[in-house]
N, C-alpha and C. Protein backbone atom coordinates (compact mmCIF):
# COMPACT_ATOMS: atom_id res chain seq x y z
N MET A 1 -6.74 -76.05 5.47
CA MET A 1 -5.66 -75.85 6.42
C MET A 1 -4.59 -74.99 5.75
N ASN A 2 -4.17 -73.94 6.45
CA ASN A 2 -3.12 -73.09 5.90
C ASN A 2 -1.75 -73.59 6.36
N LYS A 3 -0.73 -72.89 5.91
CA LYS A 3 0.65 -73.32 6.17
C LYS A 3 0.96 -73.31 7.66
N THR A 4 0.55 -72.27 8.37
CA THR A 4 0.84 -72.17 9.80
C THR A 4 0.16 -73.30 10.57
N GLU A 5 -1.10 -73.57 10.26
CA GLU A 5 -1.82 -74.66 10.93
C GLU A 5 -1.16 -76.00 10.65
N PHE A 6 -0.74 -76.18 9.39
CA PHE A 6 -0.09 -77.43 9.02
C PHE A 6 1.20 -77.63 9.80
N LEU A 7 2.03 -76.59 9.87
CA LEU A 7 3.30 -76.70 10.58
C LEU A 7 3.11 -76.89 12.08
N LEU A 8 2.09 -76.25 12.65
CA LEU A 8 1.80 -76.44 14.08
C LEU A 8 1.31 -77.86 14.35
N SER A 9 0.47 -78.38 13.45
CA SER A 9 -0.01 -79.75 13.59
C SER A 9 1.15 -80.74 13.48
N LEU A 10 2.05 -80.47 12.56
CA LEU A 10 3.22 -81.32 12.39
C LEU A 10 4.08 -81.30 13.65
N GLU A 11 4.29 -80.11 14.20
CA GLU A 11 5.09 -79.98 15.42
C GLU A 11 4.43 -80.71 16.58
N LYS A 12 3.13 -80.60 16.69
CA LYS A 12 2.39 -81.24 17.79
C LYS A 12 2.50 -82.75 17.73
N LYS A 13 2.48 -83.32 16.52
CA LYS A 13 2.53 -84.78 16.38
C LYS A 13 3.95 -85.32 16.48
N LEU A 14 4.95 -84.46 16.30
CA LEU A 14 6.35 -84.88 16.41
C LEU A 14 6.98 -84.43 17.73
N VAL A 15 6.16 -84.07 18.71
CA VAL A 15 6.64 -83.47 19.94
C VAL A 15 7.63 -84.36 20.70
N ALA A 16 7.57 -85.67 20.52
CA ALA A 16 8.48 -86.56 21.25
C ALA A 16 9.90 -86.52 20.69
N LEU A 17 10.07 -85.99 19.48
CA LEU A 17 11.39 -85.96 18.86
C LEU A 17 12.23 -84.81 19.38
N PRO A 18 13.55 -84.89 19.21
CA PRO A 18 14.40 -83.75 19.58
C PRO A 18 14.01 -82.51 18.78
N ARG A 19 14.19 -81.36 19.38
CA ARG A 19 13.77 -80.08 18.77
C ARG A 19 14.41 -79.90 17.38
N HIS A 20 15.66 -80.30 17.25
CA HIS A 20 16.37 -80.15 15.96
C HIS A 20 15.64 -80.93 14.86
N GLU A 21 15.23 -82.15 15.15
CA GLU A 21 14.54 -82.98 14.14
C GLU A 21 13.21 -82.35 13.73
N ILE A 22 12.51 -81.79 14.70
CA ILE A 22 11.23 -81.13 14.40
C ILE A 22 11.46 -79.92 13.49
N GLU A 23 12.48 -79.13 13.80
CA GLU A 23 12.77 -77.94 13.00
C GLU A 23 13.19 -78.30 11.58
N VAL A 24 13.98 -79.36 11.44
CA VAL A 24 14.39 -79.80 10.10
C VAL A 24 13.17 -80.24 9.29
N THR A 25 12.30 -81.00 9.91
CA THR A 25 11.10 -81.48 9.22
C THR A 25 10.18 -80.32 8.85
N GLN A 26 9.97 -79.39 9.79
CA GLN A 26 9.13 -78.23 9.50
C GLN A 26 9.74 -77.38 8.38
N GLY A 27 11.05 -77.20 8.41
CA GLY A 27 11.70 -76.41 7.37
C GLY A 27 11.54 -77.03 6.00
N PHE A 28 11.65 -78.36 5.94
CA PHE A 28 11.51 -79.07 4.67
C PHE A 28 10.11 -78.85 4.09
N TYR A 29 9.08 -79.06 4.92
CA TYR A 29 7.71 -78.94 4.41
C TYR A 29 7.31 -77.47 4.20
N SER A 30 7.88 -76.56 4.98
CA SER A 30 7.61 -75.13 4.76
C SER A 30 8.15 -74.70 3.40
N GLU A 31 9.36 -75.17 3.08
CA GLU A 31 9.94 -74.84 1.78
C GLU A 31 9.14 -75.47 0.64
N MET A 32 8.67 -76.69 0.86
CA MET A 32 7.87 -77.36 -0.16
C MET A 32 6.58 -76.58 -0.42
N ILE A 33 5.93 -76.09 0.64
CA ILE A 33 4.71 -75.30 0.48
C ILE A 33 5.03 -74.00 -0.23
N ASP A 34 6.11 -73.33 0.17
CA ASP A 34 6.50 -72.07 -0.47
C ASP A 34 6.77 -72.25 -1.96
N ASP A 35 7.43 -73.35 -2.33
CA ASP A 35 7.70 -73.62 -3.74
C ASP A 35 6.40 -73.78 -4.53
N ARG A 36 5.43 -74.44 -3.95
CA ARG A 36 4.15 -74.64 -4.64
C ARG A 36 3.38 -73.33 -4.76
N ILE A 37 3.49 -72.50 -3.74
CA ILE A 37 2.83 -71.19 -3.79
C ILE A 37 3.47 -70.33 -4.87
N GLU A 38 4.81 -70.38 -4.98
CA GLU A 38 5.51 -69.63 -6.02
C GLU A 38 5.12 -70.11 -7.41
N ASP A 39 4.76 -71.39 -7.52
CA ASP A 39 4.34 -71.92 -8.82
C ASP A 39 2.90 -71.56 -9.16
N GLY A 40 2.21 -70.82 -8.25
CA GLY A 40 0.88 -70.34 -8.57
C GLY A 40 -0.26 -71.00 -7.81
N MET A 41 0.03 -71.92 -6.91
CA MET A 41 -1.04 -72.56 -6.15
C MET A 41 -1.46 -71.66 -4.99
N ARG A 42 -2.72 -71.80 -4.60
CA ARG A 42 -3.17 -71.13 -3.38
C ARG A 42 -2.55 -71.85 -2.18
N GLU A 43 -2.43 -71.15 -1.06
CA GLU A 43 -1.77 -71.72 0.13
C GLU A 43 -2.48 -73.00 0.61
N GLU A 44 -3.82 -72.96 0.66
CA GLU A 44 -4.57 -74.14 1.12
C GLU A 44 -4.40 -75.32 0.17
N ASP A 45 -4.37 -75.03 -1.14
CA ASP A 45 -4.17 -76.09 -2.13
C ASP A 45 -2.76 -76.67 -2.04
N ALA A 46 -1.79 -75.81 -1.77
CA ALA A 46 -0.40 -76.28 -1.64
C ALA A 46 -0.26 -77.20 -0.43
N VAL A 47 -0.91 -76.83 0.67
CA VAL A 47 -0.87 -77.67 1.87
C VAL A 47 -1.60 -78.99 1.62
N ALA A 48 -2.75 -78.92 0.95
CA ALA A 48 -3.52 -80.14 0.67
C ALA A 48 -2.76 -81.08 -0.27
N ALA A 49 -1.99 -80.49 -1.19
CA ALA A 49 -1.25 -81.32 -2.16
C ALA A 49 -0.12 -82.09 -1.49
N ILE A 50 0.37 -81.61 -0.35
CA ILE A 50 1.47 -82.31 0.34
C ILE A 50 0.98 -83.63 0.91
N GLY A 51 -0.24 -83.64 1.43
CA GLY A 51 -0.79 -84.90 1.94
C GLY A 51 -1.21 -84.79 3.39
N ASP A 52 -1.61 -85.93 3.92
CA ASP A 52 -2.11 -86.04 5.28
C ASP A 52 -0.97 -85.89 6.28
N VAL A 53 -1.21 -85.16 7.35
CA VAL A 53 -0.18 -84.93 8.37
C VAL A 53 0.23 -86.25 9.02
N ASP A 54 -0.73 -87.13 9.29
CA ASP A 54 -0.39 -88.41 9.93
C ASP A 54 0.54 -89.25 9.05
N ALA A 55 0.29 -89.27 7.74
CA ALA A 55 1.17 -90.02 6.83
C ALA A 55 2.55 -89.39 6.79
N ILE A 56 2.62 -88.07 6.81
CA ILE A 56 3.91 -87.38 6.81
C ILE A 56 4.67 -87.68 8.09
N VAL A 57 3.96 -87.68 9.22
CA VAL A 57 4.59 -87.98 10.50
C VAL A 57 5.14 -89.40 10.50
N GLN A 58 4.34 -90.34 10.00
CA GLN A 58 4.80 -91.73 9.97
C GLN A 58 6.03 -91.88 9.09
N ASN A 59 6.04 -91.26 7.91
CA ASN A 59 7.21 -91.34 7.03
C ASN A 59 8.43 -90.68 7.66
N THR A 60 8.21 -89.56 8.34
CA THR A 60 9.31 -88.87 9.01
C THR A 60 9.91 -89.76 10.08
N LEU A 61 9.07 -90.40 10.87
CA LEU A 61 9.56 -91.28 11.93
C LEU A 61 10.28 -92.50 11.37
N LEU A 62 9.78 -93.02 10.24
CA LEU A 62 10.43 -94.19 9.63
C LEU A 62 11.80 -93.85 9.06
N GLU A 63 12.02 -92.59 8.69
CA GLU A 63 13.30 -92.19 8.13
C GLU A 63 14.35 -91.87 9.20
N LEU A 64 13.91 -91.72 10.44
CA LEU A 64 14.87 -91.42 11.51
C LEU A 64 15.74 -92.63 11.81
N PRO A 65 16.96 -92.42 12.29
CA PRO A 65 17.77 -93.54 12.75
C PRO A 65 17.09 -94.24 13.93
N LEU A 66 17.26 -95.55 14.02
CA LEU A 66 16.59 -96.32 15.07
C LEU A 66 16.93 -95.83 16.48
N PRO A 67 18.19 -95.51 16.81
CA PRO A 67 18.46 -95.01 18.17
C PRO A 67 17.70 -93.72 18.51
N THR A 68 17.61 -92.79 17.54
CA THR A 68 16.89 -91.55 17.78
C THR A 68 15.41 -91.82 18.02
N LEU A 69 14.87 -92.72 17.20
CA LEU A 69 13.45 -93.07 17.34
C LEU A 69 13.17 -93.73 18.68
N MET A 70 14.06 -94.66 19.09
CA MET A 70 13.86 -95.34 20.36
C MET A 70 14.00 -94.36 21.53
N LYS A 71 14.95 -93.47 21.43
CA LYS A 71 15.16 -92.49 22.51
C LYS A 71 13.91 -91.62 22.66
N ALA A 72 13.35 -91.20 21.53
CA ALA A 72 12.15 -90.36 21.57
C ALA A 72 10.95 -91.15 22.10
N LYS A 73 10.86 -92.42 21.77
CA LYS A 73 9.71 -93.23 22.19
C LYS A 73 9.82 -93.61 23.65
N ILE A 74 11.01 -93.92 24.12
CA ILE A 74 11.18 -94.42 25.48
C ILE A 74 11.26 -93.27 26.49
N GLN A 75 11.70 -92.11 26.06
CA GLN A 75 11.88 -90.98 26.97
C GLN A 75 10.54 -90.59 27.59
N PRO A 76 10.46 -90.57 28.92
CA PRO A 76 9.19 -90.22 29.56
C PRO A 76 8.85 -88.75 29.35
N LYS A 77 7.55 -88.47 29.25
CA LYS A 77 7.10 -87.09 29.06
C LYS A 77 7.34 -86.26 30.33
N ALA A 78 7.18 -86.90 31.49
CA ALA A 78 7.42 -86.23 32.77
C ALA A 78 8.39 -87.10 33.56
N GLY A 79 8.80 -86.62 34.71
CA GLY A 79 9.73 -87.40 35.53
C GLY A 79 9.11 -88.72 35.98
N LEU A 80 9.96 -89.70 36.22
CA LEU A 80 9.48 -91.00 36.66
C LEU A 80 9.05 -90.93 38.12
N LYS A 81 7.98 -91.63 38.41
CA LYS A 81 7.50 -91.71 39.79
C LYS A 81 8.30 -92.80 40.51
N LEU A 82 8.26 -92.78 41.81
CA LEU A 82 9.02 -93.73 42.62
C LEU A 82 8.63 -95.17 42.31
N TRP A 83 7.35 -95.44 42.19
CA TRP A 83 6.91 -96.80 41.94
C TRP A 83 7.35 -97.28 40.55
N GLU A 84 7.45 -96.36 39.58
CA GLU A 84 7.93 -96.74 38.24
C GLU A 84 9.41 -97.11 38.29
N ILE A 85 10.17 -96.35 39.07
CA ILE A 85 11.59 -96.66 39.21
C ILE A 85 11.77 -98.01 39.89
N VAL A 86 10.99 -98.27 40.94
CA VAL A 86 11.07 -99.55 41.64
C VAL A 86 10.71 -100.70 40.71
N LEU A 87 9.67 -100.54 39.92
CA LEU A 87 9.28 -101.59 38.96
C LEU A 87 10.37 -101.82 37.92
N MET A 88 11.00 -100.74 37.45
CA MET A 88 12.07 -100.90 36.47
C MET A 88 13.25 -101.67 37.06
N VAL A 89 13.60 -101.35 38.30
CA VAL A 89 14.73 -102.04 38.95
C VAL A 89 14.39 -103.49 39.22
N LEU A 90 13.19 -103.74 39.75
CA LEU A 90 12.80 -105.12 40.06
C LEU A 90 12.58 -105.95 38.79
N GLY A 91 12.12 -105.29 37.73
CA GLY A 91 11.87 -106.01 36.48
C GLY A 91 13.08 -106.15 35.59
N PHE A 92 14.20 -105.57 35.99
CA PHE A 92 15.42 -105.61 35.19
C PHE A 92 15.80 -107.02 34.75
N PRO A 93 15.75 -108.03 35.65
CA PRO A 93 16.11 -109.38 35.19
C PRO A 93 15.18 -109.93 34.11
N LEU A 94 14.01 -109.36 34.00
CA LEU A 94 13.07 -109.82 32.97
C LEU A 94 13.19 -108.99 31.69
N TRP A 95 13.13 -107.66 31.81
CA TRP A 95 13.08 -106.85 30.60
C TRP A 95 14.43 -106.68 29.92
N PHE A 96 15.52 -106.67 30.66
CA PHE A 96 16.82 -106.46 30.02
C PHE A 96 17.19 -107.60 29.06
N PRO A 97 17.04 -108.89 29.47
CA PRO A 97 17.35 -109.95 28.50
C PRO A 97 16.45 -109.92 27.26
N LEU A 98 15.20 -109.49 27.43
CA LEU A 98 14.31 -109.41 26.28
C LEU A 98 14.74 -108.31 25.31
N VAL A 99 15.10 -107.16 25.86
CA VAL A 99 15.57 -106.06 25.02
C VAL A 99 16.88 -106.45 24.33
N LEU A 100 17.77 -107.08 25.10
CA LEU A 100 19.05 -107.52 24.54
C LEU A 100 18.83 -108.55 23.42
N ALA A 101 17.92 -109.49 23.64
CA ALA A 101 17.62 -110.50 22.62
C ALA A 101 17.04 -109.85 21.37
N PHE A 102 16.19 -108.85 21.54
CA PHE A 102 15.61 -108.12 20.41
C PHE A 102 16.70 -107.52 19.54
N PHE A 103 17.65 -106.83 20.18
CA PHE A 103 18.73 -106.20 19.41
C PHE A 103 19.68 -107.23 18.81
N ILE A 104 19.89 -108.33 19.49
CA ILE A 104 20.76 -109.38 18.94
C ILE A 104 20.12 -110.02 17.70
N VAL A 105 18.80 -110.19 17.73
CA VAL A 105 18.11 -110.74 16.55
C VAL A 105 18.24 -109.78 15.37
N ILE A 106 18.05 -108.48 15.61
CA ILE A 106 18.20 -107.50 14.54
C ILE A 106 19.62 -107.52 13.99
N LEU A 107 20.60 -107.55 14.88
CA LEU A 107 21.99 -107.61 14.46
C LEU A 107 22.29 -108.90 13.69
N ALA A 108 21.73 -110.01 14.14
CA ALA A 108 21.95 -111.29 13.46
C ALA A 108 21.39 -111.28 12.04
N VAL A 109 20.24 -110.65 11.86
CA VAL A 109 19.67 -110.55 10.51
C VAL A 109 20.61 -109.76 9.60
N TYR A 110 21.08 -108.63 10.08
CA TYR A 110 21.98 -107.82 9.26
C TYR A 110 23.30 -108.54 8.98
N VAL A 111 23.87 -109.16 9.99
CA VAL A 111 25.15 -109.86 9.80
C VAL A 111 24.97 -111.01 8.81
N SER A 112 23.89 -111.74 8.92
CA SER A 112 23.70 -112.87 8.02
C SER A 112 23.47 -112.41 6.57
N VAL A 113 22.72 -111.33 6.39
CA VAL A 113 22.51 -110.82 5.03
C VAL A 113 23.84 -110.36 4.43
N TRP A 114 24.63 -109.61 5.20
CA TRP A 114 25.90 -109.15 4.69
C TRP A 114 26.89 -110.30 4.49
N ALA A 115 26.79 -111.34 5.32
CA ALA A 115 27.65 -112.52 5.12
C ALA A 115 27.31 -113.21 3.81
N VAL A 116 26.03 -113.27 3.48
CA VAL A 116 25.63 -113.87 2.20
C VAL A 116 26.16 -113.04 1.04
N ILE A 117 26.02 -111.74 1.13
CA ILE A 117 26.49 -110.86 0.05
C ILE A 117 28.00 -111.00 -0.13
N ILE A 118 28.74 -110.97 0.97
CA ILE A 118 30.21 -111.08 0.89
C ILE A 118 30.62 -112.44 0.34
N SER A 119 29.94 -113.50 0.77
CA SER A 119 30.32 -114.83 0.28
C SER A 119 30.01 -114.98 -1.21
N LEU A 120 28.92 -114.37 -1.68
CA LEU A 120 28.62 -114.44 -3.11
C LEU A 120 29.69 -113.71 -3.94
N TYR A 121 30.08 -112.53 -3.49
CA TYR A 121 31.14 -111.81 -4.21
C TYR A 121 32.47 -112.55 -4.10
N ALA A 122 32.72 -113.22 -2.98
CA ALA A 122 33.95 -114.00 -2.85
C ALA A 122 33.95 -115.17 -3.83
N SER A 123 32.79 -115.77 -4.05
CA SER A 123 32.69 -116.86 -5.04
C SER A 123 32.98 -116.35 -6.45
N VAL A 124 32.43 -115.19 -6.77
CA VAL A 124 32.70 -114.59 -8.09
C VAL A 124 34.18 -114.30 -8.23
N ALA A 125 34.79 -113.76 -7.19
CA ALA A 125 36.22 -113.46 -7.24
C ALA A 125 37.04 -114.75 -7.38
N ALA A 126 36.59 -115.82 -6.72
CA ALA A 126 37.30 -117.10 -6.82
C ALA A 126 37.28 -117.62 -8.26
N PHE A 127 36.13 -117.50 -8.94
CA PHE A 127 36.07 -117.94 -10.34
C PHE A 127 36.98 -117.08 -11.20
N ALA A 128 36.95 -115.77 -10.98
CA ALA A 128 37.80 -114.88 -11.79
C ALA A 128 39.28 -115.18 -11.56
N LEU A 129 39.68 -115.35 -10.31
CA LEU A 129 41.08 -115.65 -10.02
C LEU A 129 41.48 -117.02 -10.55
N SER A 130 40.54 -117.98 -10.53
CA SER A 130 40.85 -119.30 -11.09
C SER A 130 41.12 -119.19 -12.58
N GLY A 131 40.33 -118.37 -13.26
CA GLY A 131 40.54 -118.17 -14.69
C GLY A 131 41.88 -117.52 -14.98
N VAL A 132 42.23 -116.51 -14.20
CA VAL A 132 43.51 -115.82 -14.40
C VAL A 132 44.66 -116.77 -14.08
N ALA A 133 44.52 -117.53 -12.98
CA ALA A 133 45.58 -118.48 -12.61
C ALA A 133 45.74 -119.56 -13.68
N GLY A 134 44.63 -119.97 -14.28
CA GLY A 134 44.70 -120.96 -15.35
C GLY A 134 45.45 -120.43 -16.56
N ILE A 135 45.22 -119.17 -16.90
CA ILE A 135 45.92 -118.58 -18.04
C ILE A 135 47.41 -118.44 -17.73
N VAL A 136 47.73 -118.07 -16.49
CA VAL A 136 49.15 -117.96 -16.10
C VAL A 136 49.81 -119.34 -16.14
N SER A 137 49.04 -120.37 -15.79
CA SER A 137 49.62 -121.72 -15.75
C SER A 137 49.93 -122.26 -17.15
N LEU A 138 49.45 -121.59 -18.19
CA LEU A 138 49.79 -122.01 -19.55
C LEU A 138 51.31 -121.97 -19.78
N LEU A 139 51.97 -121.11 -19.05
CA LEU A 139 53.42 -121.01 -19.19
C LEU A 139 54.12 -122.29 -18.74
N PHE A 140 53.43 -123.06 -17.89
CA PHE A 140 54.05 -124.27 -17.33
C PHE A 140 53.40 -125.55 -17.87
N ALA A 141 52.64 -125.45 -18.95
CA ALA A 141 51.95 -126.62 -19.50
C ALA A 141 52.96 -127.63 -20.03
N GLN A 142 52.69 -128.92 -19.75
CA GLN A 142 53.58 -130.01 -20.17
C GLN A 142 53.41 -130.36 -21.64
N SER A 143 52.18 -130.16 -22.13
CA SER A 143 51.93 -130.50 -23.54
C SER A 143 50.92 -129.50 -24.11
N PHE A 144 50.78 -129.57 -25.44
CA PHE A 144 49.84 -128.69 -26.11
C PHE A 144 48.41 -129.00 -25.70
N ALA A 145 48.07 -130.29 -25.58
CA ALA A 145 46.71 -130.70 -25.20
C ALA A 145 46.38 -130.22 -23.78
N ALA A 146 47.34 -130.36 -22.87
CA ALA A 146 47.11 -129.91 -21.49
C ALA A 146 46.96 -128.39 -21.45
N GLY A 147 47.75 -127.69 -22.24
CA GLY A 147 47.66 -126.23 -22.31
C GLY A 147 46.33 -125.78 -22.89
N LEU A 148 45.86 -126.48 -23.91
CA LEU A 148 44.58 -126.16 -24.53
C LEU A 148 43.42 -126.40 -23.55
N LEU A 149 43.50 -127.51 -22.83
CA LEU A 149 42.48 -127.81 -21.81
C LEU A 149 42.48 -126.73 -20.73
N MET A 150 43.66 -126.36 -20.27
CA MET A 150 43.76 -125.35 -19.23
C MET A 150 43.23 -124.00 -19.72
N PHE A 151 43.52 -123.65 -20.98
CA PHE A 151 43.03 -122.40 -21.54
C PHE A 151 41.51 -122.40 -21.63
N GLY A 152 40.93 -123.52 -22.06
CA GLY A 152 39.47 -123.63 -22.15
C GLY A 152 38.81 -123.52 -20.78
N LEU A 153 39.36 -124.21 -19.80
CA LEU A 153 38.81 -124.14 -18.44
C LEU A 153 38.95 -122.74 -17.86
N SER A 154 40.05 -122.08 -18.18
CA SER A 154 40.24 -120.70 -17.71
C SER A 154 39.20 -119.76 -18.30
N LEU A 155 38.93 -119.91 -19.58
CA LEU A 155 37.90 -119.08 -20.21
C LEU A 155 36.51 -119.35 -19.62
N ILE A 156 36.23 -120.63 -19.31
CA ILE A 156 34.95 -120.97 -18.68
C ILE A 156 34.84 -120.30 -17.31
N CYS A 157 35.91 -120.37 -16.54
CA CYS A 157 35.88 -119.74 -15.20
C CYS A 157 35.70 -118.23 -15.30
N ILE A 158 36.37 -117.59 -16.22
CA ILE A 158 36.22 -116.15 -16.39
C ILE A 158 34.81 -115.82 -16.87
N GLY A 159 34.27 -116.61 -17.78
CA GLY A 159 32.90 -116.40 -18.25
C GLY A 159 31.88 -116.55 -17.12
N ILE A 160 32.06 -117.59 -16.30
CA ILE A 160 31.15 -117.77 -15.15
C ILE A 160 31.27 -116.57 -14.21
N ALA A 161 32.48 -116.09 -13.99
CA ALA A 161 32.68 -114.94 -13.09
C ALA A 161 31.97 -113.70 -13.62
N VAL A 162 32.08 -113.45 -14.91
CA VAL A 162 31.44 -112.27 -15.50
C VAL A 162 29.92 -112.38 -15.40
N LEU A 163 29.36 -113.54 -15.77
CA LEU A 163 27.91 -113.72 -15.69
C LEU A 163 27.41 -113.69 -14.25
N ALA A 164 28.15 -114.34 -13.36
CA ALA A 164 27.73 -114.39 -11.96
C ALA A 164 27.81 -113.01 -11.32
N PHE A 165 28.75 -112.18 -11.74
CA PHE A 165 28.88 -110.84 -11.16
C PHE A 165 27.58 -110.05 -11.32
N PHE A 166 26.98 -110.12 -12.51
CA PHE A 166 25.74 -109.37 -12.75
C PHE A 166 24.59 -109.94 -11.91
N GLY A 167 24.52 -111.27 -11.82
CA GLY A 167 23.48 -111.89 -11.00
C GLY A 167 23.66 -111.58 -9.52
N VAL A 168 24.90 -111.64 -9.05
CA VAL A 168 25.18 -111.36 -7.64
C VAL A 168 24.90 -109.90 -7.33
N THR A 169 25.22 -109.01 -8.25
CA THR A 169 24.94 -107.58 -8.03
C THR A 169 23.44 -107.35 -7.92
N LYS A 170 22.66 -107.98 -8.76
CA LYS A 170 21.20 -107.85 -8.71
C LYS A 170 20.66 -108.44 -7.40
N LEU A 171 21.14 -109.61 -7.03
CA LEU A 171 20.71 -110.25 -5.79
C LEU A 171 21.11 -109.42 -4.57
N SER A 172 22.29 -108.84 -4.61
CA SER A 172 22.76 -108.01 -3.50
C SER A 172 21.87 -106.78 -3.32
N SER A 173 21.52 -106.14 -4.42
CA SER A 173 20.65 -104.96 -4.30
C SER A 173 19.28 -105.36 -3.76
N TRP A 174 18.79 -106.55 -4.15
CA TRP A 174 17.52 -107.03 -3.61
C TRP A 174 17.64 -107.32 -2.11
N LEU A 175 18.74 -107.93 -1.68
CA LEU A 175 18.94 -108.22 -0.26
C LEU A 175 19.08 -106.94 0.56
N ILE A 176 19.76 -105.95 0.02
CA ILE A 176 19.89 -104.68 0.73
C ILE A 176 18.52 -104.01 0.86
N GLY A 177 17.73 -104.08 -0.21
CA GLY A 177 16.36 -103.56 -0.13
C GLY A 177 15.53 -104.30 0.91
N LEU A 178 15.75 -105.61 1.00
CA LEU A 178 15.04 -106.42 2.00
C LEU A 178 15.43 -105.99 3.42
N THR A 179 16.71 -105.71 3.64
CA THR A 179 17.12 -105.26 4.97
C THR A 179 16.55 -103.88 5.28
N ARG A 180 16.43 -103.02 4.27
CA ARG A 180 15.80 -101.72 4.50
C ARG A 180 14.34 -101.88 4.91
N ARG A 181 13.63 -102.79 4.21
CA ARG A 181 12.23 -103.02 4.58
C ARG A 181 12.13 -103.62 5.97
N PHE A 182 13.08 -104.48 6.32
CA PHE A 182 13.09 -105.07 7.66
C PHE A 182 13.30 -103.98 8.72
N LEU A 183 14.22 -103.07 8.46
CA LEU A 183 14.48 -101.99 9.42
C LEU A 183 13.27 -101.07 9.54
N ARG A 184 12.61 -100.80 8.42
CA ARG A 184 11.39 -99.98 8.48
C ARG A 184 10.31 -100.69 9.29
N TRP A 185 10.23 -102.01 9.18
CA TRP A 185 9.26 -102.77 9.97
C TRP A 185 9.60 -102.67 11.46
N VAL A 186 10.88 -102.81 11.80
CA VAL A 186 11.30 -102.69 13.20
C VAL A 186 10.96 -101.30 13.72
N LYS A 187 11.22 -100.27 12.92
CA LYS A 187 10.90 -98.91 13.34
C LYS A 187 9.41 -98.73 13.51
N SER A 188 8.62 -99.37 12.65
CA SER A 188 7.17 -99.23 12.76
C SER A 188 6.65 -99.81 14.06
N LEU A 189 7.37 -100.76 14.66
CA LEU A 189 6.97 -101.27 15.97
C LEU A 189 7.01 -100.18 17.03
N PHE A 190 7.89 -99.21 16.86
CA PHE A 190 8.05 -98.14 17.83
C PHE A 190 7.13 -96.95 17.56
N ILE A 191 6.58 -96.84 16.34
CA ILE A 191 5.81 -95.64 16.04
C ILE A 191 4.33 -95.88 15.85
N LYS A 192 3.86 -97.10 15.92
CA LYS A 192 2.43 -97.34 15.72
C LYS A 192 1.58 -96.54 16.70
N LYS A 193 1.94 -96.57 17.96
CA LYS A 193 1.16 -95.87 18.96
C LYS A 193 1.40 -94.37 18.90
N GLU A 194 2.50 -93.96 18.32
CA GLU A 194 2.85 -92.53 18.24
C GLU A 194 1.92 -91.80 17.29
N VAL A 195 1.55 -92.44 16.19
CA VAL A 195 0.77 -91.77 15.14
C VAL A 195 -0.71 -91.82 15.44
N VAL A 196 -1.19 -92.92 16.00
CA VAL A 196 -2.63 -93.12 16.21
C VAL A 196 -3.24 -92.13 17.14
């Protein structure tokens, strides 16, 4: 397959997307092929090295924002027929709550993940502030023993905050990665039939 055939095949499989998205994708892969040709590869070898068109299409669709992907998937290829419009209107009490519930579940997953991340960082901040407040309270200590106890507890709180910060940062990056995988899974629900 040469470069022109590859780009035409790519355009044909991405036909449901807005024209701008197709042009951006074609430009990206055209430049990639040109770079490989400049490095000394034959045109057919450069195209083959990029990979399978179906895999490229699937990755391209997964990288699109969810609203763009849904718009491309739901948009009819031709005008709606009268019976389709009637079915959509009559089925509204059934399909609208289902679509709404779908989006609310997606939103709930994101809100809950971000709530966990924010609460973990708030806990770390609480330990750090407790340590600082404990050190400030040394100025008001009634005795040397009470001041020493307060200083020790303050250092423990600051130490916990420092150690917990690294753990929370690692856990947060894992949770953000999990939400990315979840979003890719949701997007894959819309593109399975598109690629096959």
